[in-house]
Amino acid sequence: MSKKRVLITGMSGLIGQICQRELGESYELSALNRRPVEGVPCLQADIADLDAIRPAFEGVETVVHLAAMAQGDPTWEDVLPHNIVGTYNVFEAARTAGVERVIFASSGAAVSEWERHAPYDALVEGRYEEVTNWDLVDTSLIRANGLYGCSKQFGETLARFFSDRWGQSMICLRIGRVHWNDRPNEVRDFSVWCSHVDIAQMIRRCIDAPEDLKFGIYYVVSDNKWNYRSLDNARRDLGYEPKDAAERFRD
């Protein structure tokens, strides 16, 4: 049986490299990237240029859209070409090429403003003695932290539109903190960390999800004791079960 053809935008980034390493044997991968990517066919182009990126989508069944401006606290001038125009261009190029499914890398930044308010502030600051129980934040809630988070909310809304209007399968992943060293690096990470194994698992489950899954928004974090983001629908719809937990890295 032939392998499913999967295009990954932003493959040179951390999650893109994880996908190449963990998923490369299961799917026929290609890349859309501003820099060359070794080991896979790669179209070098900027997602802000719709006409330039269109060839990358030809013959592709699934797109994993990772490319974005995500460094620090980006300005409007940073997020506009990459996270707003670029996201629209990727969705539109996929639609016109007949791509069946787009997996959009949203972010926990779409809801992380909740962390300024009780009881979530205590969780991410490590003041665990102040918290005995807490309500998990489900994916119907939004509360963006900064313009980056706002741009990810835009992408989710745009994905809903593309799914409703044209029937494309559009899956949005609110990804937690993924680090190069694959471990929690600060107190907040014990709430929102996501391991390499777990993000790869979730993307694989989205690629292989039933055709009738036309839209969904899902958190992706590891099995963290102090997590505040609900994984209920990820478990129900996709069978996601995190394999790692931040707590195992406690000193």
C-alpha atoms as a PDB file:
ATOM      1  CA  MET A   1       0.000   0.000   0.000  1.00  0.00           C
ATOM      2  CA  SER A   2       1.353   3.431  -0.904  1.00  0.00           C
ATOM      3  CA  LYS A   3       2.257   5.829   1.843  1.00  0.00           C
ATOM      4  CA  LYS A   4       0.116   8.894   2.521  1.00  0.00           C
ATOM      5  CA  ARG A   5       1.685  12.037   1.054  1.00  0.00           C
ATOM      6  CA  VAL A   6       2.202  14.649   3.758  1.00  0.00           C
ATOM      7  CA  LEU A   7       3.533  18.184   3.280  1.00  0.00           C
ATOM      8  CA  ILE A   8       5.057  19.894   6.309  1.00  0.00           C
ATOM      9  CA  THR A   9       5.526  23.653   6.336  1.00  0.00           C
ATOM     10  CA  GLY A  10       8.338  24.925   8.526  1.00  0.00           C
ATOM     11  CA  MET A  11      10.108  21.570   8.695  1.00  0.00           C
ATOM     12  CA  SER A  12      13.397  23.168   9.753  1.00  0.00           C
ATOM     13  CA  GLY A  13      11.855  24.194  13.082  1.00  0.00           C
ATOM     14  CA  LEU A  14      11.853  22.024  16.204  1.00  0.00           C
ATOM     15  CA  ILE A  15       8.481  20.346  15.703  1.00  0.00           C
ATOM     16  CA  GLY A  16       9.141  20.000  11.988  1.00  0.00           C
ATOM     17  CA  GLN A  17      12.369  18.149  12.742  1.00  0.00           C
ATOM     18  CA  ILE A  18      10.545  15.918  15.214  1.00  0.00           C
ATOM     19  CA  CYS A  19       8.009  15.103  12.501  1.00  0.00           C
ATOM     20  CA  GLN A  20      10.735  14.298   9.988  1.00  0.00           C
ATOM     21  CA  ARG A  21      12.454  11.995  12.474  1.00  0.00           C
ATOM     22  CA  GLU A  22       9.395  10.289  13.966  1.00  0.00           C
ATOM     23  CA  LEU A  23       7.034  10.153  10.980  1.00  0.00           C
ATOM     24  CA  GLY A  24       9.367   9.811   8.009  1.00  0.00           C
ATOM     25  CA  GLU A  25       9.100   6.027   7.777  1.00  0.00           C
ATOM     26  CA  SER A  26       5.290   6.039   7.889  1.00  0.00           C
ATOM     27  CA  TYR A  27       4.487   8.746   5.327  1.00  0.00           C
ATOM     28  CA  GLU A  28       5.880  10.200   2.130  1.00  0.00           C
ATOM     29  CA  LEU A  29       7.040  13.541   3.491  1.00  0.00           C
ATOM     30  CA  SER A  30       7.803  16.762   1.645  1.00  0.00           C
ATOM     31  CA  ALA A  31       8.601  20.234   2.930  1.00  0.00           C
ATOM     32  CA  LEU A  32       7.696  23.845   2.266  1.00  0.00           C
ATOM     33  CA  ASN A  33      10.434  25.856   3.906  1.00  0.00           C
ATOM     34  CA  ARG A  34      12.430  29.017   3.451  1.00  0.00           C
ATOM     35  CA  ARG A  35      15.673  27.068   3.953  1.00  0.00           C
ATOM     36  CA  PRO A  36      16.573  23.753   2.332  1.00  0.00           C
ATOM     37  CA  VAL A  37      15.686  20.596   4.259  1.00  0.00           C
ATOM     38  CA  GLU A  38      17.877  17.555   3.743  1.00  0.00           C
ATOM     39  CA  GLY A  39      16.336  14.166   3.194  1.00  0.00           C
ATOM     40  CA  VAL A  40      12.962  15.175   1.728  1.00  0.00           C
ATOM     41  CA  PRO A  41      11.749  17.046  -1.379  1.00  0.00           C
ATOM     42  CA  CYS A  42      11.606  20.697  -0.390  1.00  0.00           C
ATOM     43  CA  LEU A  43      10.151  23.744  -2.077  1.00  0.00           C
ATOM     44  CA  GLN A  44      11.921  26.852  -0.817  1.00  0.00           C
ATOM     45  CA  ALA A  45       9.405  29.687  -0.666  1.00  0.00           C
ATOM     46  CA  ASP A  46       7.839  32.169   1.741  1.00  0.00           C
ATOM     47  CA  ILE A  47       4.284  31.353   2.841  1.00  0.00           C
ATOM     48  CA  ALA A  48       3.467  35.066   2.491  1.00  0.00           C
ATOM     49  CA  ASP A  49       3.640  34.548  -1.309  1.00  0.00           C
ATOM     50  CA  LEU A  50       0.627  32.481  -2.384  1.00  0.00           C
ATOM     51  CA  ASP A  51       1.661  31.918  -5.986  1.00  0.00           C
ATOM     52  CA  ALA A  52       5.168  30.870  -4.968  1.00  0.00           C
ATOM     53  CA  ILE A  53       3.974  28.163  -2.575  1.00  0.00           C
ATOM     54  CA  ARG A  54       1.250  26.569  -4.724  1.00  0.00           C
ATOM     55  CA  PRO A  55       3.504  23.915  -6.361  1.00  0.00           C
ATOM     56  CA  ALA A  56       4.298  22.386  -2.965  1.00  0.00           C
ATOM     57  CA  PHE A  57       0.668  21.286  -2.540  1.00  0.00           C
ATOM     58  CA  GLU A  58       0.266  19.361  -5.770  1.00  0.00           C
ATOM     59  CA  GLY A  59      -0.511  15.688  -5.154  1.00  0.00           C
ATOM     60  CA  VAL A  60      -0.507  16.096  -1.374  1.00  0.00           C
ATOM     61  CA  GLU A  61      -3.147  14.432   0.817  1.00  0.00           C
ATOM     62  CA  THR A  62      -2.413  16.074   4.179  1.00  0.00           C
ATOM     63  CA  VAL A  63      -0.676  19.319   5.161  1.00  0.00           C
ATOM     64  CA  VAL A  64       0.869  19.879   8.580  1.00  0.00           C
ATOM     65  CA  HIS A  65       1.159  23.647   8.874  1.00  0.00           C
ATOM     66  CA  LEU A  66       3.900  24.519  11.364  1.00  0.00           C
ATOM     67  CA  ALA A  67       5.505  27.599   9.775  1.00  0.00           C
ATOM     68  CA  ALA A  68       4.916  30.739  11.869  1.00  0.00           C
ATOM     69  CA  MET A  69       6.528  33.651  13.631  1.00  0.00           C
ATOM     70  CA  ALA A  70       6.750  32.392  17.203  1.00  0.00           C
ATOM     71  CA  GLN A  71       9.847  34.026  18.686  1.00  0.00           C
ATOM     72  CA  GLY A  72       9.557  36.090  21.850  1.00  0.00           C
ATOM     73  CA  ASP A  73       6.730  38.620  21.888  1.00  0.00           C
ATOM     74  CA  PRO A  74       6.276  39.396  18.169  1.00  0.00           C
ATOM     75  CA  THR A  75       4.880  42.680  16.926  1.00  0.00           C
ATOM     76  CA  TRP A  76       1.981  43.094  14.503  1.00  0.00           C
ATOM     77  CA  GLU A  77       4.509  43.606  11.715  1.00  0.00           C
ATOM     78  CA  ASP A  78       5.996  40.205  12.647  1.00  0.00           C
ATOM     79  CA  VAL A  79       2.773  38.210  12.820  1.00  0.00           C
ATOM     80  CA  LEU A  80       0.928  39.766   9.864  1.00  0.00           C
ATOM     81  CA  PRO A  81       2.904  38.242   6.944  1.00  0.00           C
ATOM     82  CA  HIS A  82       3.612  34.888   8.577  1.00  0.00           C
ATOM     83  CA  ASN A  83       0.754  34.048  10.939  1.00  0.00           C
ATOM     84  CA  ILE A  84      -2.127  35.881   9.250  1.00  0.00           C
ATOM     85  CA  VAL A  85      -1.416  36.164   5.511  1.00  0.00           C
ATOM     86  CA  GLY A  86       0.764  33.051   5.510  1.00  0.00           C
ATOM     87  CA  THR A  87      -1.842  30.915   7.260  1.00  0.00           C
ATOM     88  CA  TYR A  88      -4.526  32.023   4.820  1.00  0.00           C
ATOM     89  CA  ASN A  89      -2.201  31.263   1.906  1.00  0.00           C
ATOM     90  CA  VAL A  90      -1.447  27.759   3.161  1.00  0.00           C
ATOM     91  CA  PHE A  91      -5.138  26.989   3.680  1.00  0.00           C
ATOM     92  CA  GLU A  92      -6.049  28.413   0.271  1.00  0.00           C
ATOM     93  CA  ALA A  93      -3.245  26.642  -1.573  1.00  0.00           C
ATOM     94  CA  ALA A  94      -4.318  23.402   0.081  1.00  0.00           C
ATOM     95  CA  ARG A  95      -7.953  23.940  -0.859  1.00  0.00           C
ATOM     96  CA  THR A  96      -7.328  24.726  -4.503  1.00  0.00           C
ATOM     97  CA  ALA A  97      -4.939  21.763  -4.810  1.00  0.00           C
ATOM     98  CA  GLY A  98      -7.555  19.369  -3.445  1.00  0.00           C
ATOM     99  CA  VAL A  99      -5.721  18.557  -0.205  1.00  0.00           C
ATOM    100  CA  GLU A 100      -8.008  16.474   1.993  1.00  0.00           C
ATOM    101  CA  ARG A 101      -6.818  17.606   5.441  1.00  0.00           C
ATOM    102  CA  VAL A 102      -4.857  20.450   7.011  1.00  0.00           C
ATOM    103  CA  ILE A 103      -3.416  20.114  10.516  1.00  0.00           C
ATOM    104  CA  PHE A 104      -2.827  23.607  11.868  1.00  0.00           C
ATOM    105  CA  ALA A 105      -0.281  24.202  14.619  1.00  0.00           C
ATOM    106  CA  SER A 106      -2.131  26.558  16.896  1.00  0.00           C
ATOM    107  CA  SER A 107      -0.751  27.205  20.364  1.00  0.00           C
ATOM    108  CA  GLY A 108      -1.516  27.209  24.046  1.00  0.00           C
ATOM    109  CA  ALA A 109      -0.945  30.961  23.719  1.00  0.00           C
ATOM    110  CA  ALA A 110      -4.555  31.082  22.521  1.00  0.00           C
ATOM    111  CA  VAL A 111      -5.600  30.527  26.154  1.00  0.00           C
ATOM    112  CA  SER A 112      -2.527  31.274  28.274  1.00  0.00           C
ATOM    113  CA  GLU A 113      -3.885  34.615  29.476  1.00  0.00           C
ATOM    114  CA  TRP A 114      -5.869  32.444  31.915  1.00  0.00           C
ATOM    115  CA  GLU A 115      -2.556  31.971  33.697  1.00  0.00           C
ATOM    116  CA  ARG A 116      -2.794  35.498  35.072  1.00  0.00           C
ATOM    117  CA  HIS A 117      -5.863  34.509  37.086  1.00  0.00           C
ATOM    118  CA  ALA A 118      -6.563  32.119  39.972  1.00  0.00           C
ATOM    119  CA  PRO A 119      -6.218  29.208  40.279  1.00  0.00           C
ATOM    120  CA  TYR A 120      -4.145  28.868  37.115  1.00  0.00           C
ATOM    121  CA  ASP A 121      -1.589  31.451  38.210  1.00  0.00           C
ATOM    122  CA  ALA A 122      -0.718  29.278  41.195  1.00  0.00           C
ATOM    123  CA  LEU A 123      -0.345  26.200  38.994  1.00  0.00           C
ATOM    124  CA  VAL A 124       2.106  27.756  36.547  1.00  0.00           C
ATOM    125  CA  GLU A 125       4.050  29.546  39.292  1.00  0.00           C
ATOM    126  CA  GLY A 126       4.479  26.371  41.336  1.00  0.00           C
ATOM    127  CA  ARG A 127       2.420  27.536  44.313  1.00  0.00           C
ATOM    128  CA  TYR A 128       0.803  24.124  44.507  1.00  0.00           C
ATOM    129  CA  GLU A 129      -0.085  24.372  48.192  1.00  0.00           C
ATOM    130  CA  GLU A 130      -2.697  27.001  47.245  1.00  0.00           C
ATOM    131  CA  VAL A 131      -4.570  24.691  44.878  1.00  0.00           C
ATOM    132  CA  THR A 132      -6.546  21.589  45.796  1.00  0.00           C
ATOM    133  CA  ASN A 133      -8.673  21.260  42.656  1.00  0.00           C
ATOM    134  CA  TRP A 134      -9.320  23.258  39.531  1.00  0.00           C
ATOM    135  CA  ASP A 135     -11.508  23.263  36.447  1.00  0.00           C
ATOM    136  CA  LEU A 136      -9.752  22.265  33.257  1.00  0.00           C
ATOM    137  CA  VAL A 137      -9.931  24.818  30.450  1.00  0.00           C
ATOM    138  CA  ASP A 138     -11.674  23.234  27.467  1.00  0.00           C
ATOM    139  CA  THR A 139     -11.096  24.150  23.842  1.00  0.00           C
ATOM    140  CA  SER A 140     -14.235  26.281  23.590  1.00  0.00           C
ATOM    141  CA  LEU A 141     -12.472  28.932  25.655  1.00  0.00           C
ATOM    142  CA  ILE A 142     -10.058  31.516  24.307  1.00  0.00           C
ATOM    143  CA  ARG A 143      -7.998  34.095  26.153  1.00  0.00           C
ATOM    144  CA  ALA A 144      -4.958  34.991  24.107  1.00  0.00           C
ATOM    145  CA  ASN A 145      -1.670  36.133  25.536  1.00  0.00           C
ATOM    146  CA  GLY A 146      -0.244  38.689  23.101  1.00  0.00           C
ATOM    147  CA  LEU A 147      -0.533  39.125  19.361  1.00  0.00           C
ATOM    148  CA  TYR A 148       0.967  35.693  18.755  1.00  0.00           C
ATOM    149  CA  GLY A 149      -1.918  34.078  20.622  1.00  0.00           C
ATOM    150  CA  CYS A 150      -4.372  36.300  18.762  1.00  0.00           C
ATOM    151  CA  SER A 151      -2.896  35.195  15.443  1.00  0.00           C
ATOM    152  CA  LYS A 152      -3.403  31.561  16.426  1.00  0.00           C
ATOM    153  CA  GLN A 153      -7.033  32.280  17.313  1.00  0.00           C
ATOM    154  CA  PHE A 154      -7.375  33.779  13.833  1.00  0.00           C
ATOM    155  CA  GLY A 155      -5.983  30.580  12.321  1.00  0.00           C
ATOM    156  CA  GLU A 156      -8.481  28.465  14.255  1.00  0.00           C
ATOM    157  CA  THR A 157     -11.392  30.640  13.118  1.00  0.00           C
ATOM    158  CA  LEU A 158     -10.146  30.554   9.536  1.00  0.00           C
ATOM    159  CA  ALA A 159      -9.874  26.755   9.739  1.00  0.00           C
ATOM    160  CA  ARG A 160     -13.490  26.571  10.905  1.00  0.00           C
ATOM    161  CA  PHE A 161     -14.521  28.717   7.916  1.00  0.00           C
ATOM    162  CA  PHE A 162     -12.633  26.572   5.420  1.00  0.00           C
ATOM    163  CA  SER A 163     -14.175  23.433   6.867  1.00  0.00           C
ATOM    164  CA  ASP A 164     -17.711  24.844   6.857  1.00  0.00           C
ATOM    165  CA  ARG A 165     -17.509  26.478   3.443  1.00  0.00           C
ATOM    166  CA  TRP A 166     -15.595  23.840   1.465  1.00  0.00           C
ATOM    167  CA  GLY A 167     -15.816  20.666   3.517  1.00  0.00           C
ATOM    168  CA  GLN A 168     -12.084  20.344   4.117  1.00  0.00           C
ATOM    169  CA  SER A 169     -10.909  18.491   7.192  1.00  0.00           C
ATOM    170  CA  MET A 170      -9.226  21.145   9.362  1.00  0.00           C
ATOM    171  CA  ILE A 171      -7.680  20.082  12.680  1.00  0.00           C
ATOM    172  CA  CYS A 172      -6.192  22.666  15.043  1.00  0.00           C
ATOM    173  CA  LEU A 173      -3.645  21.728  17.718  1.00  0.00           C
ATOM    174  CA  ARG A 174      -3.050  24.016  20.689  1.00  0.00           C
ATOM    175  CA  ILE A 175       0.457  22.790  21.346  1.00  0.00           C
ATOM    176  CA  GLY A 176       2.135  23.152  24.729  1.00  0.00           C
ATOM    177  CA  ARG A 177       5.789  23.952  25.320  1.00  0.00           C
ATOM    178  CA  VAL A 178       8.100  21.748  23.294  1.00  0.00           C
ATOM    179  CA  HIS A 179      11.830  22.174  23.989  1.00  0.00           C
ATOM    180  CA  TRP A 180      14.937  21.158  22.099  1.00  0.00           C
ATOM    181  CA  ASN A 181      16.249  19.265  25.162  1.00  0.00           C
ATOM    182  CA  ASP A 182      12.894  17.429  25.512  1.00  0.00           C
ATOM    183  CA  ARG A 183      12.318  18.197  29.173  1.00  0.00           C
ATOM    184  CA  PRO A 184      10.673  20.879  31.324  1.00  0.00           C
ATOM    185  CA  ASN A 185      13.056  23.803  31.776  1.00  0.00           C
ATOM    186  CA  GLU A 186      11.196  26.057  34.207  1.00  0.00           C
ATOM    187  CA  VAL A 187       8.401  25.934  36.767  1.00  0.00           C
ATOM    188  CA  ARG A 188       5.628  26.741  34.253  1.00  0.00           C
ATOM    189  CA  ASP A 189       6.622  23.750  32.138  1.00  0.00           C
ATOM    190  CA  PHE A 190       5.392  21.379  34.839  1.00  0.00           C
ATOM    191  CA  SER A 191       1.940  22.487  33.765  1.00  0.00           C
ATOM    192  CA  VAL A 192       2.188  22.983  29.986  1.00  0.00           C
ATOM    193  CA  TRP A 193       5.146  20.889  28.768  1.00  0.00           C
ATOM    194  CA  CYS A 194       4.783  18.553  25.773  1.00  0.00           C
ATOM    195  CA  SER A 195       7.401  15.937  24.932  1.00  0.00           C
ATOM    196  CA  HIS A 196       8.715  15.091  21.481  1.00  0.00           C
ATOM    197  CA  VAL A 197       7.052  11.685  21.651  1.00  0.00           C
ATOM    198  CA  ASP A 198       3.687  13.179  22.552  1.00  0.00           C
ATOM    199  CA  ILE A 199       3.606  15.871  19.866  1.00  0.00           C
ATOM    200  CA  ALA A 200       4.653  13.296  17.260  1.00  0.00           C
ATOM    201  CA  GLN A 201       1.948  10.922  18.497  1.00  0.00           C
ATOM    202  CA  MET A 202      -0.729  13.602  18.229  1.00  0.00           C
ATOM    203  CA  ILE A 203       0.252  14.666  14.723  1.00  0.00           C
ATOM    204  CA  ARG A 204       0.278  11.033  13.624  1.00  0.00           C
ATOM    205  CA  ARG A 205      -3.189  10.518  15.096  1.00  0.00           C
ATOM    206  CA  CYS A 206      -4.450  13.589  13.237  1.00  0.00           C
ATOM    207  CA  ILE A 207      -2.994  12.405   9.927  1.00  0.00           C
ATOM    208  CA  ASP A 208      -4.657   9.016  10.386  1.00  0.00           C
ATOM    209  CA  ALA A 209      -7.950  10.276  11.848  1.00  0.00           C
ATOM    210  CA  PRO A 210     -11.200   9.199  10.140  1.00  0.00           C
ATOM    211  CA  GLU A 211     -12.208  11.149   7.047  1.00  0.00           C
ATOM    212  CA  ASP A 212     -15.424  12.301   8.709  1.00  0.00           C
ATOM    213  CA  LEU A 213     -13.495  14.338  11.290  1.00  0.00           C
ATOM    214  CA  LYS A 214     -14.001  17.672   9.558  1.00  0.00           C
ATOM    215  CA  PHE A 215     -13.026  20.078  12.323  1.00  0.00           C
ATOM    216  CA  GLY A 216     -11.570  20.019  15.788  1.00  0.00           C
ATOM    217  CA  ILE A 217      -9.471  22.012  18.239  1.00  0.00           C
ATOM    218  CA  TYR A 218      -7.307  19.979  20.610  1.00  0.00           C
ATOM    219  CA  TYR A 219      -4.761  20.682  23.318  1.00  0.00           C
ATOM    220  CA  VAL A 220      -1.478  18.817  23.110  1.00  0.00           C
ATOM    221  CA  VAL A 221       0.402  18.492  26.387  1.00  0.00           C
ATOM    222  CA  SER A 222       2.002  15.602  28.184  1.00  0.00           C
ATOM    223  CA  ASP A 223       0.418  13.899  31.197  1.00  0.00           C
ATOM    224  CA  ASN A 224       1.424  16.679  33.567  1.00  0.00           C
ATOM    225  CA  LYS A 225       0.215  16.597  37.173  1.00  0.00           C
ATOM    226  CA  TRP A 226      -0.390  20.364  37.188  1.00  0.00           C
ATOM    227  CA  ASN A 227      -1.945  20.615  33.726  1.00  0.00           C
ATOM    228  CA  TYR A 228      -4.983  22.891  33.358  1.00  0.00           C
ATOM    229  CA  ARG A 229      -5.865  22.167  29.688  1.00  0.00           C
ATOM    230  CA  SER A 230      -8.484  19.520  29.026  1.00  0.00           C
ATOM    231  CA  LEU A 231      -7.477  16.523  26.914  1.00  0.00           C
ATOM    232  CA  ASP A 232     -10.961  14.997  26.991  1.00  0.00           C
ATOM    233  CA  ASN A 233     -11.846  15.605  23.344  1.00  0.00           C
ATOM    234  CA  ALA A 234      -8.334  14.615  22.175  1.00  0.00           C
ATOM    235  CA  ARG A 235      -8.773  11.275  23.914  1.00  0.00           C
ATOM    236  CA  ARG A 236     -12.332  10.825  22.631  1.00  0.00           C
ATOM    237  CA  ASP A 237     -11.885  11.899  19.010  1.00  0.00           C
ATOM    238  CA  LEU A 238      -8.301  10.870  18.323  1.00  0.00           C
ATOM    239  CA  GLY A 239      -7.362   8.282  20.932  1.00  0.00           C
ATOM    240  CA  TYR A 240      -4.539  10.503  22.189  1.00  0.00           C
ATOM    241  CA  GLU A 241      -2.913   9.239  25.394  1.00  0.00           C
ATOM    242  CA  PRO A 242       0.235  11.105  26.440  1.00  0.00           C
ATOM    243  CA  LYS A 243       3.204   8.868  27.155  1.00  0.00           C
ATOM    244  CA  ASP A 244       5.362  11.353  29.058  1.00  0.00           C
ATOM    245  CA  ALA A 245       4.889  13.463  32.172  1.00  0.00           C
ATOM    246  CA  ALA A 246       6.782  16.520  33.352  1.00  0.00           C
ATOM    247  CA  GLU A 247       6.780  15.303  36.944  1.00  0.00           C
ATOM    248  CA  ARG A 248       9.325  12.571  36.200  1.00  0.00           C
ATOM    249  CA  PHE A 249      11.927  15.316  35.777  1.00  0.00           C
ATOM    250  CA  ARG A 250      11.527  16.684  39.304  1.00  0.00           C
ATOM    251  CA  ASP A 251      14.873  17.014  41.060  1.00  0.00           C
END
